[in-house]
Amino acid sequence: MSAAAPTGKVRLYMSMSVDGFIAGPDDGPDHGLGVGGERLHAWLRDGGVDPDSHRPSGGGPDAEVFDEMIATGAVVAGRRTFEHGRGWGGDHHDGVPVFVPTRSVFNQPAPGHARYVTDVASCVAQAREAAGGRDVLVHGAAAAQALLQARQLDEIELQLVPVLLGRGRRLFDGLPPGHVELELLRALQGSDVLHLRYRVQAGG
């Protein structure tokens, strides 16, 4: 009897301020991180269209986390995040498929390797299948909240940046009342950023 195929984790990756913001105020397609939000991505290298151009230099935990993120086999991105990033030209990294959970679908198809999906569970199932055993990268506040509520999120990886933004867009503002228990799996001290990985507890 053959062994079951390995299944990757569905993992949220987000850079966040200590007061819980993932973007500054006035974020939009022309200013995806909002006013002052660039501070949250200062641990990454300034780059261009090629995702690898943002890889932190010098190795260490920052590069390790970046490499893990880029090694994912599919992406689930919230529609707001997808649109503010202009769909990454239809290719987030390495041509992997991008799934965008949304309440309504445009008449025009999503660009490049992206597709819109109106059911959260189906969205995650398609992403898992497309990833072929690799991890699935989740990005964006709306996607994180939708997957948490649907119990479809396995892990949360936060890049905690030592700054208080004071205002902007928070990662978990839209969650309903209730507790979601998390188990800390690892903590890596990077260059002016703390990488925290949590397991989402089943039934939490």
C-alpha atoms as a PDB file:
ATOM      1  CA  MET A   1       0.000   0.000   0.000  1.00  0.00           C
ATOM      2  CA  SER A   2       1.550   3.298  -1.086  1.00  0.00           C
ATOM      3  CA  ALA A   3       2.096   6.090   1.437  1.00  0.00           C
ATOM      4  CA  ALA A   4      -0.169   9.113   1.297  1.00  0.00           C
ATOM      5  CA  ALA A   5       1.197  12.062  -0.634  1.00  0.00           C
ATOM      6  CA  PRO A   6       2.685  14.777   1.599  1.00  0.00           C
ATOM      7  CA  THR A   7       0.426  17.717   2.295  1.00  0.00           C
ATOM      8  CA  GLY A   8       1.863  21.180   2.777  1.00  0.00           C
ATOM      9  CA  LYS A   9       0.677  23.768   5.259  1.00  0.00           C
ATOM     10  CA  VAL A  10      -1.653  26.645   4.474  1.00  0.00           C
ATOM     11  CA  ARG A  11       0.335  29.446   6.063  1.00  0.00           C
ATOM     12  CA  LEU A  12      -0.277  33.173   6.377  1.00  0.00           C
ATOM     13  CA  TYR A  13       2.784  35.396   5.881  1.00  0.00           C
ATOM     14  CA  MET A  14       2.387  39.043   6.921  1.00  0.00           C
ATOM     15  CA  SER A  15       4.645  41.846   8.129  1.00  0.00           C
ATOM     16  CA  MET A  16       2.969  43.634  11.029  1.00  0.00           C
ATOM     17  CA  SER A  17       3.647  46.467  13.444  1.00  0.00           C
ATOM     18  CA  VAL A  18       3.581  45.848  17.193  1.00  0.00           C
ATOM     19  CA  ASP A  19       0.158  47.533  17.338  1.00  0.00           C
ATOM     20  CA  GLY A  20      -1.229  45.146  14.717  1.00  0.00           C
ATOM     21  CA  PHE A  21      -1.134  47.154  11.481  1.00  0.00           C
ATOM     22  CA  ILE A  22      -0.149  45.650   8.119  1.00  0.00           C
ATOM     23  CA  ALA A  23      -0.480  48.909   6.161  1.00  0.00           C
ATOM     24  CA  GLY A  24      -0.534  52.585   6.934  1.00  0.00           C
ATOM     25  CA  PRO A  25      -3.514  54.858   6.219  1.00  0.00           C
ATOM     26  CA  ASP A  26      -4.655  55.698   2.683  1.00  0.00           C
ATOM     27  CA  ASP A  27      -3.484  52.442   1.131  1.00  0.00           C
ATOM     28  CA  GLY A  28      -4.566  51.782  -2.432  1.00  0.00           C
ATOM     29  CA  PRO A  29      -3.438  50.550  -5.855  1.00  0.00           C
ATOM     30  CA  ASP A  30      -1.001  53.446  -6.190  1.00  0.00           C
ATOM     31  CA  HIS A  31       0.268  53.142  -2.610  1.00  0.00           C
ATOM     32  CA  GLY A  32      -0.229  49.545  -1.537  1.00  0.00           C
ATOM     33  CA  LEU A  33       1.305  49.874   1.926  1.00  0.00           C
ATOM     34  CA  GLY A  34      -0.271  53.242   2.733  1.00  0.00           C
ATOM     35  CA  VAL A  35       1.402  56.221   4.404  1.00  0.00           C
ATOM     36  CA  GLY A  36       4.409  55.003   6.373  1.00  0.00           C
ATOM     37  CA  GLY A  37       3.674  51.358   5.644  1.00  0.00           C
ATOM     38  CA  GLU A  38       6.978  50.803   3.856  1.00  0.00           C
ATOM     39  CA  ARG A  39       8.563  50.588   7.298  1.00  0.00           C
ATOM     40  CA  LEU A  40       6.963  47.158   7.704  1.00  0.00           C
ATOM     41  CA  HIS A  41       8.908  45.771   4.747  1.00  0.00           C
ATOM     42  CA  ALA A  42      12.259  47.355   5.611  1.00  0.00           C
ATOM     43  CA  TRP A  43      13.592  43.884   6.447  1.00  0.00           C
ATOM     44  CA  LEU A  44      13.331  43.064   2.746  1.00  0.00           C
ATOM     45  CA  ARG A  45      15.754  44.356   0.158  1.00  0.00           C
ATOM     46  CA  ASP A  46      14.558  47.047  -2.253  1.00  0.00           C
ATOM     47  CA  GLY A  47      13.897  45.270  -5.523  1.00  0.00           C
ATOM     48  CA  GLY A  48      11.973  45.308  -8.740  1.00  0.00           C
ATOM     49  CA  VAL A  49       9.493  43.059 -10.503  1.00  0.00           C
ATOM     50  CA  ASP A  50      11.490  39.874  -9.869  1.00  0.00           C
ATOM     51  CA  PRO A  51      10.525  38.561  -6.386  1.00  0.00           C
ATOM     52  CA  ASP A  52      14.062  37.273  -5.795  1.00  0.00           C
ATOM     53  CA  SER A  53      15.327  40.849  -6.032  1.00  0.00           C
ATOM     54  CA  HIS A  54      13.715  41.467  -2.618  1.00  0.00           C
ATOM     55  CA  ARG A  55      15.617  38.643  -0.892  1.00  0.00           C
ATOM     56  CA  PRO A  56      17.362  39.987   2.221  1.00  0.00           C
ATOM     57  CA  SER A  57      21.114  40.103   1.769  1.00  0.00           C
ATOM     58  CA  GLY A  58      23.565  38.460   4.117  1.00  0.00           C
ATOM     59  CA  GLY A  59      21.626  35.261   4.770  1.00  0.00           C
ATOM     60  CA  GLY A  60      20.400  34.583   8.299  1.00  0.00           C
ATOM     61  CA  PRO A  61      16.804  34.285   9.525  1.00  0.00           C
ATOM     62  CA  ASP A  62      15.447  36.981   7.200  1.00  0.00           C
ATOM     63  CA  ALA A  63      16.697  35.170   4.103  1.00  0.00           C
ATOM     64  CA  GLU A  64      15.558  31.815   5.535  1.00  0.00           C
ATOM     65  CA  VAL A  65      11.978  33.036   5.994  1.00  0.00           C
ATOM     66  CA  PHE A  66      11.970  34.712   2.584  1.00  0.00           C
ATOM     67  CA  ASP A  67      13.179  31.514   0.910  1.00  0.00           C
ATOM     68  CA  GLU A  68      10.450  29.502   2.650  1.00  0.00           C
ATOM     69  CA  MET A  69       7.843  31.966   1.422  1.00  0.00           C
ATOM     70  CA  ILE A  70       9.090  31.858  -2.164  1.00  0.00           C
ATOM     71  CA  ALA A  71       9.213  28.048  -2.073  1.00  0.00           C
ATOM     72  CA  THR A  72       5.420  27.852  -1.668  1.00  0.00           C
ATOM     73  CA  GLY A  73       3.507  26.129  -4.448  1.00  0.00           C
ATOM     74  CA  ALA A  74       0.375  28.295  -4.567  1.00  0.00           C
ATOM     75  CA  VAL A  75      -0.927  31.619  -3.252  1.00  0.00           C
ATOM     76  CA  VAL A  76      -4.251  32.572  -1.670  1.00  0.00           C
ATOM     77  CA  ALA A  77      -4.568  36.353  -1.646  1.00  0.00           C
ATOM     78  CA  GLY A  78      -7.412  38.561  -0.521  1.00  0.00           C
ATOM     79  CA  ARG A  79      -9.030  40.564  -3.278  1.00  0.00           C
ATOM     80  CA  ARG A  80      -8.015  43.905  -1.772  1.00  0.00           C
ATOM     81  CA  THR A  81      -4.404  42.758  -1.467  1.00  0.00           C
ATOM     82  CA  PHE A  82      -4.515  41.350  -4.994  1.00  0.00           C
ATOM     83  CA  GLU A  83      -5.895  44.574  -6.456  1.00  0.00           C
ATOM     84  CA  HIS A  84      -3.571  46.853  -4.483  1.00  0.00           C
ATOM     85  CA  GLY A  85      -0.673  44.796  -5.801  1.00  0.00           C
ATOM     86  CA  ARG A  86      -2.143  45.137  -9.309  1.00  0.00           C
ATOM     87  CA  GLY A  87      -2.370  41.362  -9.399  1.00  0.00           C
ATOM     88  CA  TRP A  88       1.446  41.155  -9.446  1.00  0.00           C
ATOM     89  CA  GLY A  89       1.054  41.079 -13.201  1.00  0.00           C
ATOM     90  CA  GLY A  90      -0.644  37.695 -12.798  1.00  0.00           C
ATOM     91  CA  ASP A  91       2.491  36.087 -11.327  1.00  0.00           C
ATOM     92  CA  HIS A  92       3.271  36.413  -7.609  1.00  0.00           C
ATOM     93  CA  HIS A  93       6.382  34.216  -7.863  1.00  0.00           C
ATOM     94  CA  ASP A  94       7.706  31.418 -10.071  1.00  0.00           C
ATOM     95  CA  GLY A  95       4.473  31.101 -12.041  1.00  0.00           C
ATOM     96  CA  VAL A  96       2.594  29.389  -9.198  1.00  0.00           C
ATOM     97  CA  PRO A  97      -1.216  29.734  -9.338  1.00  0.00           C
ATOM     98  CA  VAL A  98      -2.857  32.540  -7.360  1.00  0.00           C
ATOM     99  CA  PHE A  99      -6.338  31.995  -5.915  1.00  0.00           C
ATOM    100  CA  VAL A 100      -8.396  35.029  -4.902  1.00  0.00           C
ATOM    101  CA  PRO A 101     -11.398  34.386  -2.627  1.00  0.00           C
ATOM    102  CA  THR A 102     -14.124  36.870  -3.487  1.00  0.00           C
ATOM    103  CA  ARG A 103     -17.870  37.350  -3.047  1.00  0.00           C
ATOM    104  CA  SER A 104     -18.342  38.250  -6.709  1.00  0.00           C
ATOM    105  CA  VAL A 105     -16.394  37.552  -9.877  1.00  0.00           C
ATOM    106  CA  PHE A 106     -15.610  40.026 -12.623  1.00  0.00           C
ATOM    107  CA  ASN A 107     -16.757  39.334 -16.184  1.00  0.00           C
ATOM    108  CA  GLN A 108     -13.089  39.503 -17.125  1.00  0.00           C
ATOM    109  CA  PRO A 109     -10.907  36.620 -15.878  1.00  0.00           C
ATOM    110  CA  ALA A 110      -8.108  37.316 -13.425  1.00  0.00           C
ATOM    111  CA  PRO A 111      -4.741  38.043 -15.059  1.00  0.00           C
ATOM    112  CA  GLY A 112      -2.009  35.500 -15.674  1.00  0.00           C
ATOM    113  CA  HIS A 113      -1.876  32.579 -13.260  1.00  0.00           C
ATOM    114  CA  ALA A 114      -4.600  34.004 -11.009  1.00  0.00           C
ATOM    115  CA  ARG A 115      -8.232  32.965 -10.687  1.00  0.00           C
ATOM    116  CA  TYR A 116     -11.213  34.115  -8.628  1.00  0.00           C
ATOM    117  CA  VAL A 117     -13.015  31.634  -6.356  1.00  0.00           C
ATOM    118  CA  THR A 118     -16.288  32.417  -4.567  1.00  0.00           C
ATOM    119  CA  ASP A 119     -16.120  29.649  -1.921  1.00  0.00           C
ATOM    120  CA  VAL A 120     -13.376  29.758   0.720  1.00  0.00           C
ATOM    121  CA  ALA A 121     -13.154  25.997   1.297  1.00  0.00           C
ATOM    122  CA  SER A 122     -13.016  25.340  -2.441  1.00  0.00           C
ATOM    123  CA  CYS A 123     -10.397  28.065  -2.825  1.00  0.00           C
ATOM    124  CA  VAL A 124      -8.120  26.410  -0.262  1.00  0.00           C
ATOM    125  CA  ALA A 125      -8.751  22.926  -1.669  1.00  0.00           C
ATOM    126  CA  GLN A 126      -7.772  24.094  -5.154  1.00  0.00           C
ATOM    127  CA  ALA A 127      -4.674  25.834  -3.789  1.00  0.00           C
ATOM    128  CA  ARG A 128      -3.593  22.715  -1.877  1.00  0.00           C
ATOM    129  CA  GLU A 129      -4.008  20.563  -4.967  1.00  0.00           C
ATOM    130  CA  ALA A 130      -2.148  23.037  -7.157  1.00  0.00           C
ATOM    131  CA  ALA A 131       0.701  23.271  -4.641  1.00  0.00           C
ATOM    132  CA  GLY A 132       1.399  19.552  -5.100  1.00  0.00           C
ATOM    133  CA  GLY A 133       2.536  18.904  -1.527  1.00  0.00           C
ATOM    134  CA  ARG A 134       4.277  22.239  -1.041  1.00  0.00           C
ATOM    135  CA  ASP A 135       3.036  24.888   1.372  1.00  0.00           C
ATOM    136  CA  VAL A 136       0.388  27.420   0.358  1.00  0.00           C
ATOM    137  CA  LEU A 137       1.138  31.116   0.944  1.00  0.00           C
ATOM    138  CA  VAL A 138      -1.761  33.187   2.291  1.00  0.00           C
ATOM    139  CA  HIS A 139      -1.544  36.958   2.028  1.00  0.00           C
ATOM    140  CA  GLY A 140      -3.834  39.774   3.121  1.00  0.00           C
ATOM    141  CA  ALA A 141      -6.108  40.607   6.051  1.00  0.00           C
ATOM    142  CA  ALA A 142      -9.378  39.612   4.375  1.00  0.00           C
ATOM    143  CA  ALA A 143      -8.001  36.255   3.253  1.00  0.00           C
ATOM    144  CA  ALA A 144      -6.550  35.567   6.711  1.00  0.00           C
ATOM    145  CA  GLN A 145      -9.843  36.319   8.429  1.00  0.00           C
ATOM    146  CA  ALA A 146     -11.912  34.322   5.930  1.00  0.00           C
ATOM    147  CA  LEU A 147      -9.667  31.267   6.256  1.00  0.00           C
ATOM    148  CA  LEU A 148      -9.598  31.486  10.044  1.00  0.00           C
ATOM    149  CA  GLN A 149     -13.387  31.628  10.232  1.00  0.00           C
ATOM    150  CA  ALA A 150     -13.651  28.683   7.817  1.00  0.00           C
ATOM    151  CA  ARG A 151     -10.997  26.745   9.809  1.00  0.00           C
ATOM    152  CA  GLN A 152      -8.832  26.506   6.698  1.00  0.00           C
ATOM    153  CA  LEU A 153      -5.661  28.166   8.026  1.00  0.00           C
ATOM    154  CA  ASP A 154      -2.945  25.893   9.450  1.00  0.00           C
ATOM    155  CA  GLU A 155      -0.274  28.363  10.507  1.00  0.00           C
ATOM    156  CA  ILE A 156       0.443  32.068  10.899  1.00  0.00           C
ATOM    157  CA  GLU A 157       3.900  33.510  10.205  1.00  0.00           C
ATOM    158  CA  LEU A 158       4.224  37.101  11.404  1.00  0.00           C
ATOM    159  CA  GLN A 159       7.150  39.368  10.676  1.00  0.00           C
ATOM    160  CA  LEU A 160       6.814  41.569  13.758  1.00  0.00           C
ATOM    161  CA  VAL A 161       8.423  44.949  13.168  1.00  0.00           C
ATOM    162  CA  PRO A 162       9.331  47.092  16.213  1.00  0.00           C
ATOM    163  CA  VAL A 163       7.229  50.118  15.363  1.00  0.00           C
ATOM    164  CA  LEU A 164       3.838  51.538  16.345  1.00  0.00           C
ATOM    165  CA  LEU A 165       2.053  52.838  13.247  1.00  0.00           C
ATOM    166  CA  GLY A 166      -0.893  54.215  15.209  1.00  0.00           C
ATOM    167  CA  ARG A 167      -3.356  53.979  12.340  1.00  0.00           C
ATOM    168  CA  GLY A 168      -3.934  52.188   9.065  1.00  0.00           C
ATOM    169  CA  ARG A 169      -5.207  48.681   8.341  1.00  0.00           C
ATOM    170  CA  ARG A 170      -5.028  46.046  11.072  1.00  0.00           C
ATOM    171  CA  LEU A 171      -4.600  42.357  10.316  1.00  0.00           C
ATOM    172  CA  PHE A 172      -7.337  40.932  12.514  1.00  0.00           C
ATOM    173  CA  ASP A 173      -9.848  43.791  12.861  1.00  0.00           C
ATOM    174  CA  GLY A 174     -12.684  41.965  11.081  1.00  0.00           C
ATOM    175  CA  LEU A 175     -12.789  38.794  13.161  1.00  0.00           C
ATOM    176  CA  PRO A 176     -16.006  38.052  15.081  1.00  0.00           C
ATOM    177  CA  PRO A 177     -15.937  37.757  18.888  1.00  0.00           C
ATOM    178  CA  GLY A 178     -14.322  34.611  20.204  1.00  0.00           C
ATOM    179  CA  HIS A 179     -10.926  33.073  20.828  1.00  0.00           C
ATOM    180  CA  VAL A 180      -8.561  31.509  18.332  1.00  0.00           C
ATOM    181  CA  GLU A 181      -5.843  29.683  20.245  1.00  0.00           C
ATOM    182  CA  LEU A 182      -2.329  29.681  18.779  1.00  0.00           C
ATOM    183  CA  GLU A 183       0.737  27.579  19.572  1.00  0.00           C
ATOM    184  CA  LEU A 184       4.132  29.198  19.093  1.00  0.00           C
ATOM    185  CA  LEU A 185       6.266  26.954  16.870  1.00  0.00           C
ATOM    186  CA  ARG A 186       9.365  29.097  16.468  1.00  0.00           C
ATOM    187  CA  ALA A 187      10.770  32.583  16.961  1.00  0.00           C
ATOM    188  CA  LEU A 188      13.650  33.839  14.816  1.00  0.00           C
ATOM    189  CA  GLN A 189      15.325  37.169  15.501  1.00  0.00           C
ATOM    190  CA  GLY A 190      16.126  38.872  12.236  1.00  0.00           C
ATOM    191  CA  SER A 191      17.547  42.268  11.391  1.00  0.00           C
ATOM    192  CA  ASP A 192      15.108  44.683  13.052  1.00  0.00           C
ATOM    193  CA  VAL A 193      12.287  42.131  12.740  1.00  0.00           C
ATOM    194  CA  LEU A 194      11.096  39.143  14.777  1.00  0.00           C
ATOM    195  CA  HIS A 195       9.764  36.177  12.778  1.00  0.00           C
ATOM    196  CA  LEU A 196       7.048  34.353  14.735  1.00  0.00           C
ATOM    197  CA  ARG A 197       5.386  31.162  13.530  1.00  0.00           C
ATOM    198  CA  TYR A 198       2.198  29.900  15.175  1.00  0.00           C
ATOM    199  CA  ARG A 199       0.061  26.822  14.689  1.00  0.00           C
ATOM    200  CA  VAL A 200      -3.672  27.526  14.639  1.00  0.00           C
ATOM    201  CA  GLN A 201      -5.135  25.192  17.227  1.00  0.00           C
ATOM    202  CA  ALA A 202      -7.883  22.900  15.981  1.00  0.00           C
ATOM    203  CA  GLY A 203     -11.189  23.794  17.568  1.00  0.00           C
ATOM    204  CA  GLY A 204      -9.787  27.075  18.837  1.00  0.00           C
END
